[in-house]
Structure formats: structure tokens, C-alpha cells
């Protein structure tokens, strides 16, 4: 069963990253406050990025990976600036 990894932008300018098997339904749930606590307290939310994976387990793994990223790296992914991702993977204290 395919899965989606997605990123929402919340009204307080934070990002929320998760995964689902039905993206349209899940976004509608977030929009009416039936989603995660993070989003229901920060409405409205806007879908700003998603990836399609051949299996939900892969979407889950990708979600966990992206959740650990700093904001700057998430923004490079969202903007399609994949060439910046390796540089942004360097720990801030190593610079």
C-alpha cells in the first residue's frame, strides 16, 4: 500500500511533518482540527510539500528522517533545492 510523507505549514509559521495512506482525507482532517495536537492548535494549516512512496513503511521512515532536520534543511527540501541538502546536513557545531 503506497504512502505519503507530507509537510504542513501552520499559522504560527511552524512545520508539521507526518505520513498517511490517504493524503486528501488526512489534510481535510487537519483543516477541521481533527489532526494532530500540533496542527489543531495552529490552524489554519497549508500543505506545502509531499512525497509519494511505494509503501507506507517507507513514508514513515522518511517522515522520521525529515523530522530530525533543522528548519533550513526542511525549507531547502520544500523549495526543491536538493543540491543544498548535503551542506545543510553538517551539524551546526561542526562549522
N, C-alpha and C. Protein backbone atom coordinates (compact mmCIF):
# COMPACT_ATOMS: atom_id res chain seq x y z
N UNK A 1 0.85 -1.18 0.00
CA UNK A 1 0.00 0.00 0.00
C UNK A 1 0.90 1.24 0.00
N UNK A 2 0.65 2.15 -0.95
CA UNK A 2 1.50 3.34 -1.04
C UNK A 2 1.25 4.28 0.14
N UNK A 3 2.22 5.13 0.36
CA UNK A 3 2.13 6.08 1.46
C UNK A 3 2.66 7.44 1.04
N UNK A 4 2.28 8.43 1.78
CA UNK A 4 2.70 9.80 1.54
C UNK A 4 3.42 10.33 2.77
N UNK A 5 4.52 11.03 2.55
CA UNK A 5 5.15 11.83 3.60
C UNK A 5 4.82 13.27 3.23
N UNK A 6 4.35 14.05 4.20
CA UNK A 6 3.94 15.41 3.87
C UNK A 6 4.39 16.40 4.93
N UNK A 7 4.45 17.66 4.51
CA UNK A 7 4.79 18.75 5.41
C UNK A 7 3.72 19.82 5.30
N UNK A 8 3.22 20.23 6.45
CA UNK A 8 2.25 21.31 6.53
C UNK A 8 2.93 22.55 7.11
N UNK A 9 2.48 23.71 6.68
CA UNK A 9 2.91 24.95 7.32
C UNK A 9 1.74 25.44 8.15
N UNK A 10 2.00 25.67 9.43
CA UNK A 10 0.95 26.08 10.36
C UNK A 10 0.86 27.61 10.44
N UNK A 11 -0.20 28.09 11.03
CA UNK A 11 -0.43 29.54 11.11
C UNK A 11 0.63 30.27 11.91
N UNK A 12 1.34 29.57 12.80
CA UNK A 12 2.41 30.21 13.58
C UNK A 12 3.77 30.05 12.91
N UNK A 13 3.76 29.67 11.62
CA UNK A 13 4.97 29.54 10.80
C UNK A 13 5.82 28.32 11.16
N UNK A 14 5.28 27.37 11.90
CA UNK A 14 5.99 26.13 12.18
C UNK A 14 5.65 25.11 11.10
N UNK A 15 6.48 24.07 11.01
CA UNK A 15 6.24 22.99 10.07
C UNK A 15 5.81 21.75 10.84
N UNK A 16 4.91 21.00 10.22
CA UNK A 16 4.46 19.74 10.79
C UNK A 16 4.68 18.67 9.72
N UNK A 17 5.42 17.64 10.07
CA UNK A 17 5.75 16.56 9.14
C UNK A 17 5.10 15.26 9.62
N UNK A 18 4.44 14.55 8.69
CA UNK A 18 3.81 13.29 9.05
C UNK A 18 3.69 12.41 7.81
N UNK A 19 2.93 11.32 7.93
CA UNK A 19 2.71 10.40 6.82
C UNK A 19 1.28 9.87 6.89
N UNK A 20 0.81 9.37 5.75
CA UNK A 20 -0.56 8.86 5.66
C UNK A 20 -0.68 7.96 4.43
N UNK A 21 -1.76 7.20 4.36
CA UNK A 21 -2.05 6.44 3.14
C UNK A 21 -3.08 7.16 2.28
N UNK A 22 -3.76 8.16 2.83
CA UNK A 22 -4.78 8.92 2.09
C UNK A 22 -4.54 10.41 2.35
N UNK A 23 -3.79 11.04 1.47
CA UNK A 23 -3.37 12.42 1.69
C UNK A 23 -4.54 13.40 1.72
N UNK A 24 -5.45 13.30 0.78
CA UNK A 24 -6.58 14.24 0.73
C UNK A 24 -7.41 14.17 2.01
N UNK A 25 -7.72 12.96 2.44
CA UNK A 25 -8.53 12.78 3.66
C UNK A 25 -7.80 13.34 4.88
N UNK A 26 -6.51 13.06 4.97
CA UNK A 26 -5.74 13.50 6.14
C UNK A 26 -5.62 15.02 6.19
N UNK A 27 -5.43 15.65 5.05
CA UNK A 27 -5.35 17.12 5.03
C UNK A 27 -6.69 17.72 5.46
N UNK A 28 -7.78 17.16 4.99
CA UNK A 28 -9.10 17.64 5.41
C UNK A 28 -9.27 17.51 6.92
N UNK A 29 -8.78 16.40 7.49
CA UNK A 29 -8.85 16.22 8.94
C UNK A 29 -8.06 17.32 9.66
N UNK A 30 -6.87 17.60 9.19
CA UNK A 30 -6.07 18.66 9.79
C UNK A 30 -6.79 20.01 9.70
N UNK A 31 -7.38 20.29 8.56
CA UNK A 31 -8.02 21.59 8.32
C UNK A 31 -9.19 21.86 9.24
N UNK A 32 -9.85 20.80 9.71
CA UNK A 32 -11.00 20.99 10.61
C UNK A 32 -10.65 20.71 12.07
N UNK A 33 -9.36 20.59 12.35
CA UNK A 33 -8.93 20.41 13.73
C UNK A 33 -8.98 19.00 14.24
N UNK A 34 -9.12 18.02 13.36
CA UNK A 34 -9.15 16.61 13.77
C UNK A 34 -7.80 15.94 13.63
N UNK A 35 -6.78 16.71 13.28
CA UNK A 35 -5.45 16.15 13.10
C UNK A 35 -4.70 16.10 14.41
N UNK A 36 -3.42 16.20 14.32
CA UNK A 36 -2.55 16.14 15.49
C UNK A 36 -2.73 17.37 16.38
N UNK A 37 -2.37 17.25 17.65
CA UNK A 37 -2.45 18.38 18.57
C UNK A 37 -1.67 19.58 18.06
N UNK A 38 -0.51 19.33 17.47
CA UNK A 38 0.31 20.43 16.96
C UNK A 38 -0.47 21.25 15.94
N UNK A 39 -1.17 20.61 15.04
CA UNK A 39 -1.88 21.35 13.99
C UNK A 39 -3.22 21.91 14.47
N UNK A 40 -3.93 21.20 15.30
CA UNK A 40 -5.24 21.69 15.72
C UNK A 40 -5.14 22.98 16.53
N UNK A 41 -3.99 23.20 17.16
CA UNK A 41 -3.78 24.43 17.91
C UNK A 41 -3.13 25.52 17.08
N UNK A 42 -2.90 25.25 15.79
CA UNK A 42 -2.20 26.21 14.93
C UNK A 42 -2.90 26.36 13.58
N UNK A 43 -4.20 26.31 13.57
CA UNK A 43 -4.97 26.46 12.33
C UNK A 43 -4.97 27.91 11.89
N UNK A 44 -5.06 28.14 10.58
CA UNK A 44 -5.15 27.16 9.51
C UNK A 44 -3.78 26.59 9.16
N UNK A 45 -3.82 25.45 8.49
CA UNK A 45 -2.59 24.81 8.00
C UNK A 45 -2.65 24.74 6.48
N UNK A 46 -1.48 24.63 5.87
CA UNK A 46 -1.40 24.56 4.42
C UNK A 46 -0.41 23.47 4.02
N UNK A 47 -0.83 22.60 3.11
CA UNK A 47 0.06 21.58 2.58
C UNK A 47 1.09 22.27 1.69
N UNK A 48 2.38 22.11 2.03
CA UNK A 48 3.41 22.78 1.24
C UNK A 48 4.38 21.80 0.58
N UNK A 49 4.32 20.52 0.95
CA UNK A 49 5.23 19.55 0.35
C UNK A 49 4.70 18.14 0.61
N UNK A 50 4.89 17.25 -0.38
CA UNK A 50 4.61 15.84 -0.13
C UNK A 50 5.44 14.97 -1.07
N UNK A 51 5.66 13.75 -0.66
CA UNK A 51 6.32 12.72 -1.45
C UNK A 51 5.44 11.49 -1.46
N UNK A 52 5.46 10.77 -2.57
CA UNK A 52 4.74 9.50 -2.68
C UNK A 52 5.76 8.38 -2.58
N UNK A 53 5.47 7.41 -1.71
CA UNK A 53 6.35 6.25 -1.52
C UNK A 53 5.57 4.98 -1.85
N UNK A 54 6.25 3.95 -2.36
CA UNK A 54 5.55 2.73 -2.75
C UNK A 54 4.94 1.95 -1.59
N UNK A 55 5.38 2.24 -0.37
CA UNK A 55 4.84 1.55 0.80
C UNK A 55 4.80 2.52 1.98
N UNK A 56 3.79 2.41 2.81
CA UNK A 56 3.63 3.32 3.96
C UNK A 56 4.83 3.24 4.91
N UNK A 57 5.46 2.09 5.00
CA UNK A 57 6.63 1.96 5.88
C UNK A 57 7.77 2.85 5.41
N UNK A 58 7.91 3.01 4.11
CA UNK A 58 8.94 3.91 3.57
C UNK A 58 8.59 5.37 3.85
N UNK A 59 7.30 5.69 3.76
CA UNK A 59 6.86 7.05 4.09
C UNK A 59 7.11 7.35 5.56
N UNK A 60 6.89 6.36 6.42
CA UNK A 60 7.14 6.52 7.84
C UNK A 60 8.62 6.76 8.11
N UNK A 61 9.48 5.99 7.46
CA UNK A 61 10.93 6.17 7.63
C UNK A 61 11.36 7.55 7.17
N UNK A 62 10.82 7.99 6.04
CA UNK A 62 11.16 9.32 5.52
C UNK A 62 10.67 10.40 6.47
N UNK A 63 9.48 10.24 7.01
CA UNK A 63 8.95 11.21 7.98
C UNK A 63 9.90 11.37 9.16
N UNK A 64 10.34 10.25 9.72
CA UNK A 64 11.24 10.30 10.88
C UNK A 64 12.56 10.96 10.51
N UNK A 65 13.05 10.72 9.31
CA UNK A 65 14.28 11.36 8.86
C UNK A 65 14.11 12.87 8.78
N UNK A 66 13.07 13.32 8.09
CA UNK A 66 12.85 14.76 7.88
C UNK A 66 12.52 15.47 9.19
N UNK A 67 11.83 14.81 10.10
CA UNK A 67 11.50 15.43 11.38
C UNK A 67 12.76 15.84 12.16
N UNK A 68 13.84 15.12 11.97
CA UNK A 68 15.08 15.44 12.68
C UNK A 68 15.85 16.60 12.07
N UNK A 69 15.46 17.02 10.89
CA UNK A 69 16.18 18.08 10.20
C UNK A 69 15.90 19.45 10.80
N UNK A 70 16.90 20.32 10.70
CA UNK A 70 16.70 21.72 11.08
C UNK A 70 15.78 22.39 10.07
N UNK A 71 15.22 23.49 10.46
CA UNK A 71 14.28 24.24 9.62
C UNK A 71 14.87 24.57 8.25
N UNK A 72 16.14 25.01 8.23
CA UNK A 72 16.76 25.40 6.97
C UNK A 72 16.82 24.25 5.98
N UNK A 73 17.08 23.05 6.48
CA UNK A 73 17.15 21.89 5.60
C UNK A 73 15.76 21.51 5.10
N UNK A 74 14.75 21.59 5.96
CA UNK A 74 13.38 21.33 5.53
C UNK A 74 12.97 22.32 4.44
N UNK A 75 13.35 23.58 4.61
CA UNK A 75 12.98 24.60 3.63
C UNK A 75 13.66 24.36 2.29
N UNK A 76 14.89 23.86 2.30
CA UNK A 76 15.56 23.52 1.04
C UNK A 76 14.82 22.38 0.34
N UNK A 77 14.38 21.38 1.09
CA UNK A 77 13.60 20.28 0.53
C UNK A 77 12.30 20.82 -0.07
N UNK A 78 11.60 21.64 0.67
CA UNK A 78 10.32 22.20 0.23
C UNK A 78 10.49 23.00 -1.06
N UNK A 79 11.58 23.76 -1.16
CA UNK A 79 11.84 24.61 -2.33
C UNK A 79 12.43 23.84 -3.51
N UNK A 80 12.71 22.55 -3.32
CA UNK A 80 13.29 21.75 -4.39
C UNK A 80 14.77 21.99 -4.58
N UNK A 81 15.43 22.48 -3.57
CA UNK A 81 16.86 22.78 -3.64
C UNK A 81 17.68 21.61 -3.08
N UNK A 82 17.55 20.45 -3.73
CA UNK A 82 18.22 19.25 -3.25
C UNK A 82 19.73 19.39 -3.19
N UNK A 83 20.31 20.24 -4.02
CA UNK A 83 21.75 20.42 -4.02
C UNK A 83 22.26 21.01 -2.70
N UNK A 84 21.38 21.65 -1.93
CA UNK A 84 21.76 22.23 -0.64
C UNK A 84 21.69 21.23 0.52
N UNK A 85 21.01 20.12 0.32
CA UNK A 85 20.78 19.18 1.42
C UNK A 85 22.07 18.63 2.03
N UNK A 86 23.06 18.21 1.23
CA UNK A 86 24.29 17.70 1.87
C UNK A 86 24.98 18.76 2.74
N UNK A 87 25.05 19.97 2.27
CA UNK A 87 25.69 21.03 3.06
C UNK A 87 24.90 21.28 4.36
N UNK A 88 23.60 21.26 4.27
CA UNK A 88 22.76 21.51 5.44
C UNK A 88 22.72 20.33 6.39
N UNK A 89 23.27 19.20 5.98
CA UNK A 89 23.34 18.02 6.85
C UNK A 89 24.47 18.12 7.86
N UNK A 90 25.39 19.05 7.62
CA UNK A 90 26.51 19.23 8.54
C UNK A 90 26.01 19.85 9.83
N UNK A 91 26.37 19.27 10.95
CA UNK A 91 25.94 19.79 12.25
C UNK A 91 26.42 21.23 12.43
N UNK A 92 25.58 22.07 13.00
CA UNK A 92 25.91 23.48 13.18
C UNK A 92 27.18 23.67 14.01
N UNK A 93 27.43 22.78 14.93
CA UNK A 93 28.61 22.92 15.79
C UNK A 93 29.89 22.52 15.09
N UNK A 94 29.77 21.85 13.93
CA UNK A 94 30.95 21.40 13.18
C UNK A 94 31.44 22.46 12.18
N UNK A 95 30.69 23.52 12.05
CA UNK A 95 31.06 24.55 11.07
C UNK A 95 32.20 25.41 11.52
